[in-house]
Structures are given as C-alpha cells and as structure tokens.
C-alpha cells in the first residue's frame, strides 16, 4: 500500500483477504495515520500484533 493512500487517514478498513494485504507494515502505517484504527472485516490480522503496534483493532465477531 502506498503511503499516499494512508497518510492522514483516521481509520483503515480491511475488507479483503488478499495475500498482499495480510502482512502490512503496521509500524509504518501507524506513523502515517492520524488516528491508528483498523477495522478488520475479514479477521485476517492478528489483533495482538495490531494492538501491540498501537492500533485500536476492531474485528467482526472478535472482542
């Protein structure tokens, strides 16, 4: 994902299970985002990793 697609975004929505989006550079995304929130509509990310990198993680059917 290009930084121009992420910069100043408050929320990132993940609604596909494409392999190229399964392992994002969360530290880089965190540095680019205004408010680090990930809404994972496919539950492809491990919430522990997202939270440990400073994101608010929201997954469908997860706590």
PDB file of N, CA and C in Angstrom:
ATOM      1  N   UNK A   1       0.841  -1.172   0.000  1.00  0.00           N
ATOM      2  CA  UNK A   1       0.000   0.000   0.000  1.00  0.00           C
ATOM      3  C   UNK A   1       0.887   1.237   0.000  1.00  0.00           C
ATOM      4  N   UNK A   2       0.587   2.161  -0.855  1.00  0.00           N
ATOM      5  CA  UNK A   2       1.372   3.390  -0.954  1.00  0.00           C
ATOM      6  C   UNK A   2       1.062   4.317   0.210  1.00  0.00           C
ATOM      7  N   UNK A   3       2.080   5.053   0.633  1.00  0.00           N
ATOM      8  CA  UNK A   3       1.891   5.959   1.767  1.00  0.00           C
ATOM      9  C   UNK A   3       0.872   7.047   1.457  1.00  0.00           C
ATOM     10  N   UNK A   4       0.732   7.432   0.192  1.00  0.00           N
ATOM     11  CA  UNK A   4      -0.257   8.455  -0.160  1.00  0.00           C
ATOM     12  C   UNK A   4      -1.679   7.955   0.050  1.00  0.00           C
ATOM     13  N   UNK A   5      -1.866   6.647   0.063  1.00  0.00           N
ATOM     14  CA  UNK A   5      -3.195   6.086   0.299  1.00  0.00           C
ATOM     15  C   UNK A   5      -3.528   6.057   1.783  1.00  0.00           C
ATOM     16  N   UNK A   6      -2.541   6.167   2.631  1.00  0.00           N
ATOM     17  CA  UNK A   6      -2.733   6.024   4.072  1.00  0.00           C
ATOM     18  C   UNK A   6      -2.608   7.352   4.802  1.00  0.00           C
ATOM     19  N   UNK A   7      -1.760   8.219   4.333  1.00  0.00           N
ATOM     20  CA  UNK A   7      -1.435   9.456   5.048  1.00  0.00           C
ATOM     21  C   UNK A   7      -2.689  10.219   5.447  1.00  0.00           C
ATOM     22  N   UNK A   8      -2.717  10.639   6.694  1.00  0.00           N
ATOM     23  CA  UNK A   8      -3.789  11.435   7.296  1.00  0.00           C
ATOM     24  C   UNK A   8      -5.107  10.682   7.424  1.00  0.00           C
ATOM     25  N   UNK A   9      -5.135   9.414   7.175  1.00  0.00           N
ATOM     26  CA  UNK A   9      -6.367   8.648   7.354  1.00  0.00           C
ATOM     27  C   UNK A   9      -6.556   8.368   8.842  1.00  0.00           C
ATOM     28  N   UNK A  10      -7.786   8.354   9.271  1.00  0.00           N
ATOM     29  CA  UNK A  10      -8.079   8.063  10.668  1.00  0.00           C
ATOM     30  C   UNK A  10      -8.331   6.578  10.873  1.00  0.00           C
ATOM     31  N   UNK A  11      -8.873   5.924   9.868  1.00  0.00           N
ATOM     32  CA  UNK A  11      -9.254   4.514  10.010  1.00  0.00           C
ATOM     33  C   UNK A  11      -8.830   3.767   8.759  1.00  0.00           C
ATOM     34  N   UNK A  12      -8.351   2.556   8.948  1.00  0.00           N
ATOM     35  CA  UNK A  12      -8.077   1.683   7.807  1.00  0.00           C
ATOM     36  C   UNK A  12      -9.084   0.545   7.868  1.00  0.00           C
ATOM     37  N   UNK A  13      -9.814   0.341   6.778  1.00  0.00           N
ATOM     38  CA  UNK A  13     -10.760  -0.755   6.669  1.00  0.00           C
ATOM     39  C   UNK A  13     -10.108  -1.869   5.871  1.00  0.00           C
ATOM     40  N   UNK A  14     -10.129  -3.068   6.421  1.00  0.00           N
ATOM     41  CA  UNK A  14      -9.607  -4.235   5.718  1.00  0.00           C
ATOM     42  C   UNK A  14     -10.798  -5.141   5.426  1.00  0.00           C
ATOM     43  N   UNK A  15     -11.198  -5.198   4.163  1.00  0.00           N
ATOM     44  CA  UNK A  15     -12.400  -5.948   3.803  1.00  0.00           C
ATOM     45  C   UNK A  15     -12.120  -7.002   2.740  1.00  0.00           C
ATOM     46  N   UNK A  16     -10.875  -7.379   2.602  1.00  0.00           N
ATOM     47  CA  UNK A  16     -10.490  -8.422   1.658  1.00  0.00           C
ATOM     48  C   UNK A  16      -9.470  -9.330   2.316  1.00  0.00           C
ATOM     49  N   UNK A  17      -9.382 -10.540   1.846  1.00  0.00           N
ATOM     50  CA  UNK A  17      -8.390 -11.464   2.393  1.00  0.00           C
ATOM     51  C   UNK A  17      -7.226 -11.670   1.432  1.00  0.00           C
ATOM     52  N   UNK A  18      -7.012 -10.737   0.522  1.00  0.00           N
ATOM     53  CA  UNK A  18      -5.913 -10.846  -0.436  1.00  0.00           C
ATOM     54  C   UNK A  18      -4.594 -10.996   0.309  1.00  0.00           C
ATOM     55  N   UNK A  19      -3.743 -11.879  -0.182  1.00  0.00           N
ATOM     56  CA  UNK A  19      -2.469 -12.151   0.477  1.00  0.00           C
ATOM     57  C   UNK A  19      -1.603 -10.909   0.637  1.00  0.00           C
ATOM     58  N   UNK A  20      -1.585 -10.027  -0.349  1.00  0.00           N
ATOM     59  CA  UNK A  20      -0.716  -8.856  -0.262  1.00  0.00           C
ATOM     60  C   UNK A  20      -1.126  -7.877   0.839  1.00  0.00           C
ATOM     61  N   UNK A  21      -2.329  -8.033   1.383  1.00  0.00           N
ATOM     62  CA  UNK A  21      -2.786  -7.162   2.467  1.00  0.00           C
ATOM     63  C   UNK A  21      -2.764  -7.848   3.829  1.00  0.00           C
ATOM     64  N   UNK A  22      -2.369  -9.099   3.876  1.00  0.00           N
ATOM     65  CA  UNK A  22      -2.374  -9.853   5.134  1.00  0.00           C
ATOM     66  C   UNK A  22      -1.246  -9.473   6.090  1.00  0.00           C
ATOM     67  N   UNK A  23      -0.150  -8.979   5.565  1.00  0.00           N
ATOM     68  CA  UNK A  23       1.010  -8.658   6.407  1.00  0.00           C
ATOM     69  C   UNK A  23       1.457  -7.208   6.187  1.00  0.00           C
ATOM     70  N   UNK A  24       0.625  -6.265   6.598  1.00  0.00           N
ATOM     71  CA  UNK A  24       1.016  -4.866   6.412  1.00  0.00           C
ATOM     72  C   UNK A  24       2.133  -4.483   7.379  1.00  0.00           C
ATOM     73  N   UNK A  25       2.896  -3.495   7.016  1.00  0.00           N
ATOM     74  CA  UNK A  25       3.924  -2.946   7.895  1.00  0.00           C
ATOM     75  C   UNK A  25       3.203  -2.022   8.883  1.00  0.00           C
ATOM     76  N   UNK A  26       2.783  -2.588  10.017  1.00  0.00           N
ATOM     77  CA  UNK A  26       1.950  -1.843  10.954  1.00  0.00           C
ATOM     78  C   UNK A  26       2.670  -0.650  11.570  1.00  0.00           C
ATOM     79  N   UNK A  27       3.953  -0.774  11.814  1.00  0.00           N
ATOM     80  CA  UNK A  27       4.702   0.358  12.374  1.00  0.00           C
ATOM     81  C   UNK A  27       4.720   1.527  11.384  1.00  0.00           C
ATOM     82  N   UNK A  28       4.889   1.219  10.117  1.00  0.00           N
ATOM     83  CA  UNK A  28       4.881   2.263   9.086  1.00  0.00           C
ATOM     84  C   UNK A  28       3.484   2.874   8.951  1.00  0.00           C
ATOM     85  N   UNK A  29       2.458   2.021   8.932  1.00  0.00           N
ATOM     86  CA  UNK A  29       1.088   2.532   8.853  1.00  0.00           C
ATOM     87  C   UNK A  29       0.781   3.433  10.040  1.00  0.00           C
ATOM     88  N   UNK A  30       1.200   3.005  11.225  1.00  0.00           N
ATOM     89  CA  UNK A  30       0.944   3.771  12.448  1.00  0.00           C
ATOM     90  C   UNK A  30       1.547   5.172  12.341  1.00  0.00           C
ATOM     91  N   UNK A  31       2.751   5.252  11.807  1.00  0.00           N
ATOM     92  CA  UNK A  31       3.425   6.540  11.679  1.00  0.00           C
ATOM     93  C   UNK A  31       2.716   7.467  10.693  1.00  0.00           C
ATOM     94  N   UNK A  32       1.993   6.910   9.746  1.00  0.00           N
ATOM     95  CA  UNK A  32       1.331   7.709   8.713  1.00  0.00           C
ATOM     96  C   UNK A  32      -0.091   8.121   9.065  1.00  0.00           C
ATOM     97  N   UNK A  33      -0.706   7.403   9.989  1.00  0.00           N
ATOM     98  CA  UNK A  33      -2.127   7.625  10.265  1.00  0.00           C
ATOM     99  C   UNK A  33      -2.337   8.663  11.362  1.00  0.00           C
ATOM    100  N   UNK A  34      -3.384   9.441  11.193  1.00  0.00           N
ATOM    101  CA  UNK A  34      -3.754  10.443  12.188  1.00  0.00           C
ATOM    102  C   UNK A  34      -4.255   9.777  13.463  1.00  0.00           C
ATOM    103  N   UNK A  35      -5.158   8.820  13.314  1.00  0.00           N
ATOM    104  CA  UNK A  35      -5.662   8.028  14.444  1.00  0.00           C
ATOM    105  C   UNK A  35      -5.565   6.572  14.027  1.00  0.00           C
ATOM    106  N   UNK A  36      -4.756   5.788  14.707  1.00  0.00           N
ATOM    107  CA  UNK A  36      -4.495   4.412  14.277  1.00  0.00           C
ATOM    108  C   UNK A  36      -5.612   3.437  14.649  1.00  0.00           C
ATOM    109  N   UNK A  37      -6.573   3.307  13.763  1.00  0.00           N
ATOM    110  CA  UNK A  37      -7.688   2.382  13.966  1.00  0.00           C
ATOM    111  C   UNK A  37      -7.754   1.459  12.758  1.00  0.00           C
ATOM    112  N   UNK A  38      -7.849   0.160  13.013  1.00  0.00           N
ATOM    113  CA  UNK A  38      -8.022  -0.821  11.940  1.00  0.00           C
ATOM    114  C   UNK A  38      -9.347  -1.528  12.162  1.00  0.00           C
ATOM    115  N   UNK A  39     -10.193  -1.516  11.150  1.00  0.00           N
ATOM    116  CA  UNK A  39     -11.428  -2.294  11.142  1.00  0.00           C
ATOM    117  C   UNK A  39     -11.187  -3.466  10.203  1.00  0.00           C
ATOM    118  N   UNK A  40     -11.062  -4.650  10.771  1.00  0.00           N
ATOM    119  CA  UNK A  40     -10.726  -5.858  10.012  1.00  0.00           C
ATOM    120  C   UNK A  40     -12.005  -6.650   9.750  1.00  0.00           C
ATOM    121  N   UNK A  41     -12.587  -6.438   8.585  1.00  0.00           N
ATOM    122  CA  UNK A  41     -13.850  -7.078   8.238  1.00  0.00           C
ATOM    123  C   UNK A  41     -13.730  -8.541   7.857  1.00  0.00           C
ATOM    124  N   UNK A  42     -12.509  -9.045   7.716  1.00  0.00           N
ATOM    125  CA  UNK A  42     -12.284 -10.444   7.343  1.00  0.00           C
ATOM    126  C   UNK A  42     -11.511 -11.231   8.392  1.00  0.00           C
ATOM    127  N   UNK A  43     -11.136 -10.563   9.488  1.00  0.00           N
ATOM    128  CA  UNK A  43     -10.358 -11.210  10.551  1.00  0.00           C
ATOM    129  C   UNK A  43      -9.087 -11.862  10.019  1.00  0.00           C
ATOM    130  N   UNK A  44      -8.357 -11.136   9.185  1.00  0.00           N
ATOM    131  CA  UNK A  44      -7.117 -11.681   8.635  1.00  0.00           C
ATOM    132  C   UNK A  44      -5.895 -11.257   9.441  1.00  0.00           C
ATOM    133  N   UNK A  45      -6.016 -10.201  10.242  1.00  0.00           N
ATOM    134  CA  UNK A  45      -4.895  -9.752  11.060  1.00  0.00           C
ATOM    135  C   UNK A  45      -4.992 -10.336  12.461  1.00  0.00           C
ATOM    136  N   UNK A  46      -3.851 -10.532  13.080  1.00  0.00           N
ATOM    137  CA  UNK A  46      -3.820 -10.966  14.473  1.00  0.00           C
ATOM    138  C   UNK A  46      -3.989  -9.718  15.337  1.00  0.00           C
ATOM    139  N   UNK A  47      -5.084  -9.628  16.094  1.00  0.00           N
ATOM    140  CA  UNK A  47      -5.331  -8.415  16.873  1.00  0.00           C
ATOM    141  C   UNK A  47      -4.226  -8.111  17.877  1.00  0.00           C
ATOM    142  N   UNK A  48      -3.536  -9.124  18.380  1.00  0.00           N
ATOM    143  CA  UNK A  48      -2.453  -8.886  19.345  1.00  0.00           C
ATOM    144  C   UNK A  48      -1.346  -8.045  18.727  1.00  0.00           C
ATOM    145  N   UNK A  49      -0.996  -8.345  17.472  1.00  0.00           N
ATOM    146  CA  UNK A  49       0.063  -7.588  16.807  1.00  0.00           C
ATOM    147  C   UNK A  49      -0.388  -6.162  16.506  1.00  0.00           C
ATOM    148  N   UNK A  50      -1.613  -6.017  16.053  1.00  0.00           N
ATOM    149  CA  UNK A  50      -2.124  -4.676  15.751  1.00  0.00           C
ATOM    150  C   UNK A  50      -2.149  -3.823  17.018  1.00  0.00           C
ATOM    151  N   UNK A  51      -2.634  -4.380  18.104  1.00  0.00           N
ATOM    152  CA  UNK A  51      -2.707  -3.630  19.365  1.00  0.00           C
ATOM    153  C   UNK A  51      -1.323  -3.331  19.921  1.00  0.00           C
ATOM    154  N   UNK A  52      -0.402  -4.279  19.795  1.00  0.00           N
ATOM    155  CA  UNK A  52       0.949  -4.041  20.318  1.00  0.00           C
ATOM    156  C   UNK A  52       1.680  -2.960  19.523  1.00  0.00           C
ATOM    157  N   UNK A  53       1.254  -2.712  18.290  1.00  0.00           N
ATOM    158  CA  UNK A  53       1.838  -1.641  17.484  1.00  0.00           C
ATOM    159  C   UNK A  53       1.072  -0.327  17.634  1.00  0.00           C
ATOM    160  N   UNK A  54       0.154  -0.270  18.605  1.00  0.00           N
ATOM    161  CA  UNK A  54      -0.512   0.984  18.925  1.00  0.00           C
ATOM    162  C   UNK A  54      -1.831   1.244  18.235  1.00  0.00           C
ATOM    163  N   UNK A  55      -2.401   0.234  17.590  1.00  0.00           N
ATOM    164  CA  UNK A  55      -3.677   0.399  16.902  1.00  0.00           C
ATOM    165  C   UNK A  55      -4.854   0.053  17.806  1.00  0.00           C
ATOM    166  N   UNK A  56      -5.952   0.718  17.572  1.00  0.00           N
ATOM    167  CA  UNK A  56      -7.231   0.240  18.062  1.00  0.00           C
ATOM    168  C   UNK A  56      -7.698  -0.745  17.006  1.00  0.00           C
ATOM    169  N   UNK A  57      -7.936  -1.983  17.404  1.00  0.00           N
ATOM    170  CA  UNK A  57      -8.299  -3.041  16.460  1.00  0.00           C
ATOM    171  C   UNK A  57      -9.759  -3.404  16.662  1.00  0.00           C
ATOM    172  N   UNK A  58     -10.508  -3.443  15.566  1.00  0.00           N
ATOM    173  CA  UNK A  58     -11.907  -3.868  15.586  1.00  0.00           C
ATOM    174  C   UNK A  58     -12.051  -4.962  14.541  1.00  0.00           C
ATOM    175  N   UNK A  59     -12.465  -6.147  14.978  1.00  0.00           N
ATOM    176  CA  UNK A  59     -12.675  -7.261  14.065  1.00  0.00           C
ATOM    177  C   UNK A  59     -14.093  -7.785  14.197  1.00  0.00           C
ATOM    178  N   UNK A  60     -14.660  -8.234  13.113  1.00  0.00           N
ATOM    179  CA  UNK A  60     -16.014  -8.786  13.120  1.00  0.00           C
ATOM    180  C   UNK A  60     -16.036 -10.030  14.004  1.00  0.00           C
ATOM    181  N   UNK A  61     -16.912 -10.045  14.993  1.00  0.00           N
ATOM    182  CA  UNK A  61     -17.077 -11.214  15.853  1.00  0.00           C
ATOM    183  C   UNK A  61     -15.941 -11.449  16.833  1.00  0.00           C
ATOM    184  N   UNK A  62     -15.065 -10.477  17.007  1.00  0.00           N
ATOM    185  CA  UNK A  62     -13.961 -10.595  17.971  1.00  0.00           C
ATOM    186  C   UNK A  62     -14.158  -9.586  19.081  1.00  0.00           C
ATOM    187  N   UNK A  63     -13.552  -9.875  20.220  1.00  0.00           N
ATOM    188  CA  UNK A  63     -13.611  -8.940  21.357  1.00  0.00           C
ATOM    189  C   UNK A  63     -12.661  -7.787  21.158  1.00  0.00           C
TER     190      UNK A  63
END
